[in-house]
Amino acid sequence: MTQRDWHYVGVIEHLRELGVRVQAARVRNRWSVETAARRAEISRTTWKRVEDGEGVQDVKRAAVLAVLDLDSQGLPLVHDEPAPVFVPAPGDPRQGSATDDEVLIAIRAMREDLRTMSERLARLERHGS
């Protein structure tokens, strides 16, 4: 086989693997082929061709990957998520731990803060400022 033949074999294998990953992602989302195709704004036939590892226009394959939030390899995109916030446990830091009651009080306070922030955000979204 020539180098070009090996390249072609690699492309075929990539499309097959991509099809398997696309189908798995669609099933994970509990979408029918029809629903997925509609969301990607392509035909059901084109969607099925992608899942079957067949060639389609790059723009249509990109639409499939985008609607499933997958990269060009068919792997889930990693989104930047905010860094976790570490809150010191209540209690005497020299003890290194808090009582169950102290932790429950801190959780209740955080829930109330979250509820207040959610209400403020909802008001801002309703009033636009």
Protein backbone atom coordinates (compact mmCIF):
# COMPACT_ATOMS: atom_id res chain seq x y z
CA MET A 1 0.00 0.00 0.00
CA THR A 2 1.15 3.50 -0.74
CA GLN A 3 1.32 6.28 1.80
CA ARG A 4 -1.79 7.77 0.25
CA ASP A 5 -3.63 4.47 0.69
CA TRP A 6 -2.65 4.35 4.36
CA HIS A 7 -3.91 7.91 4.78
CA TYR A 8 -7.23 6.93 3.21
CA VAL A 9 -7.52 3.93 5.56
CA GLY A 10 -6.85 6.26 8.50
CA VAL A 11 -9.58 8.65 7.39
CA ILE A 12 -12.07 5.79 7.04
CA GLU A 13 -11.21 4.49 10.50
CA HIS A 14 -11.53 8.00 11.97
CA LEU A 15 -14.99 8.44 10.42
CA ARG A 16 -16.11 5.06 11.80
CA GLU A 17 -14.89 5.89 15.31
CA LEU A 18 -16.47 9.33 15.08
CA GLY A 19 -19.76 7.74 14.04
CA VAL A 20 -19.72 5.43 17.06
CA ARG A 21 -19.06 8.38 19.38
CA VAL A 22 -21.75 10.51 17.74
CA GLN A 23 -24.30 7.72 18.12
CA ALA A 24 -23.31 7.17 21.76
CA ALA A 25 -23.68 10.89 22.51
CA ARG A 26 -27.07 11.01 20.80
CA VAL A 27 -28.28 8.00 22.79
CA ARG A 28 -26.93 9.54 26.02
CA ASN A 29 -29.02 12.62 25.26
CA ARG A 30 -32.01 10.33 24.63
CA TRP A 31 -32.57 11.86 21.20
CA SER A 32 -33.99 10.05 18.22
CA VAL A 33 -32.14 10.43 14.93
CA GLU A 34 -34.97 12.71 13.79
CA THR A 35 -34.68 14.96 16.86
CA ALA A 36 -30.90 15.15 16.62
CA ALA A 37 -31.00 15.94 12.90
CA ARG A 38 -33.59 18.66 13.46
CA ARG A 39 -31.44 20.24 16.19
CA ALA A 40 -28.41 20.19 13.88
CA GLU A 41 -30.54 21.54 11.01
CA ILE A 42 -29.56 18.69 8.69
CA SER A 43 -31.48 15.81 7.16
CA ARG A 44 -32.06 12.55 8.98
CA THR A 45 -30.18 10.80 6.15
CA THR A 46 -27.12 12.99 6.63
CA TRP A 47 -27.16 12.40 10.39
CA LYS A 48 -27.37 8.66 9.82
CA ARG A 49 -24.44 8.85 7.36
CA VAL A 50 -22.31 10.49 10.08
CA GLU A 51 -23.26 7.77 12.58
CA ASP A 52 -22.49 5.11 9.97
CA GLY A 53 -19.00 6.55 9.43
CA GLU A 54 -19.71 7.68 5.90
CA GLY A 55 -18.45 10.85 4.27
CA VAL A 56 -20.53 14.02 4.48
CA GLN A 57 -19.76 17.68 3.94
CA ASP A 58 -17.47 19.04 6.64
CA VAL A 59 -19.97 21.77 7.52
CA LYS A 60 -22.67 19.16 8.17
CA ARG A 61 -20.34 17.00 10.27
CA ALA A 62 -19.44 20.15 12.22
CA ALA A 63 -23.15 20.82 12.84
CA VAL A 64 -23.55 17.31 14.26
CA LEU A 65 -20.56 17.75 16.55
CA ALA A 66 -21.69 21.20 17.66
CA VAL A 67 -25.21 20.12 18.61
CA LEU A 68 -23.73 17.27 20.68
CA ASP A 69 -21.03 19.51 22.18
CA LEU A 70 -18.26 17.26 20.84
CA ASP A 71 -14.82 18.10 19.45
CA SER A 72 -13.53 16.98 16.04
CA GLN A 73 -12.59 13.58 17.51
CA GLY A 74 -16.11 13.09 18.87
CA LEU A 75 -15.02 13.65 22.46
CA PRO A 76 -16.95 15.90 24.85
CA LEU A 77 -15.77 19.48 24.82
CA VAL A 78 -14.21 20.66 28.04
CA HIS A 79 -15.62 23.99 29.07
CA ASP A 80 -13.83 26.36 31.33
CA GLU A 81 -15.52 26.07 34.67
CA PRO A 82 -15.00 28.42 37.54
CA ALA A 83 -12.46 27.28 40.06
CA PRO A 84 -13.99 25.73 43.15
CA VAL A 85 -14.37 28.02 46.11
CA PHE A 86 -12.96 26.70 49.32
CA VAL A 87 -14.71 27.89 52.43
CA PRO A 88 -12.96 27.40 55.73
CA ALA A 89 -14.90 25.20 58.09
CA PRO A 90 -16.39 26.98 61.07
CA GLY A 91 -14.94 26.28 64.45
CA ASP A 92 -11.57 26.63 66.06
CA PRO A 93 -8.91 26.25 63.32
CA ARG A 94 -6.53 24.78 65.87
CA GLN A 95 -8.88 21.82 66.27
CA GLY A 96 -8.88 21.20 62.53
CA SER A 97 -12.54 20.23 62.42
CA ALA A 98 -16.02 21.56 63.06
CA THR A 99 -18.91 19.98 64.86
CA ASP A 100 -21.83 18.65 62.86
CA ASP A 101 -24.00 21.48 64.17
CA GLU A 102 -21.48 24.11 63.05
CA VAL A 103 -21.34 22.60 59.57
CA LEU A 104 -25.15 22.49 59.32
CA ILE A 105 -25.39 26.13 60.41
CA ALA A 106 -22.81 27.11 57.79
CA ILE A 107 -24.69 25.16 55.09
CA ARG A 108 -27.98 26.85 56.00
CA ALA A 109 -26.31 30.27 55.84
CA MET A 110 -24.83 29.49 52.41
CA ARG A 111 -28.22 28.29 51.15
CA GLU A 112 -29.81 31.53 52.31
CA ASP A 113 -27.04 33.54 50.61
CA LEU A 114 -27.60 31.55 47.42
CA ARG A 115 -31.36 32.10 47.59
CA THR A 116 -30.81 35.86 48.05
CA MET A 117 -28.37 36.01 45.13
CA SER A 118 -30.77 34.04 42.92
CA GLU A 119 -33.61 36.43 43.73
CA ARG A 120 -31.41 39.43 42.96
CA LEU A 121 -30.29 37.89 39.68
CA ALA A 122 -33.90 37.18 38.70
CA ARG A 123 -34.85 40.80 39.44
CA LEU A 124 -31.91 42.06 37.38
CA GLU A 125 -32.87 39.83 34.47
CA ARG A 126 -36.50 40.99 34.61
CA HIS A 127 -35.64 44.69 34.82
CA GLY A 128 -32.52 44.66 32.67
CA SER A 129 -30.27 46.42 35.18
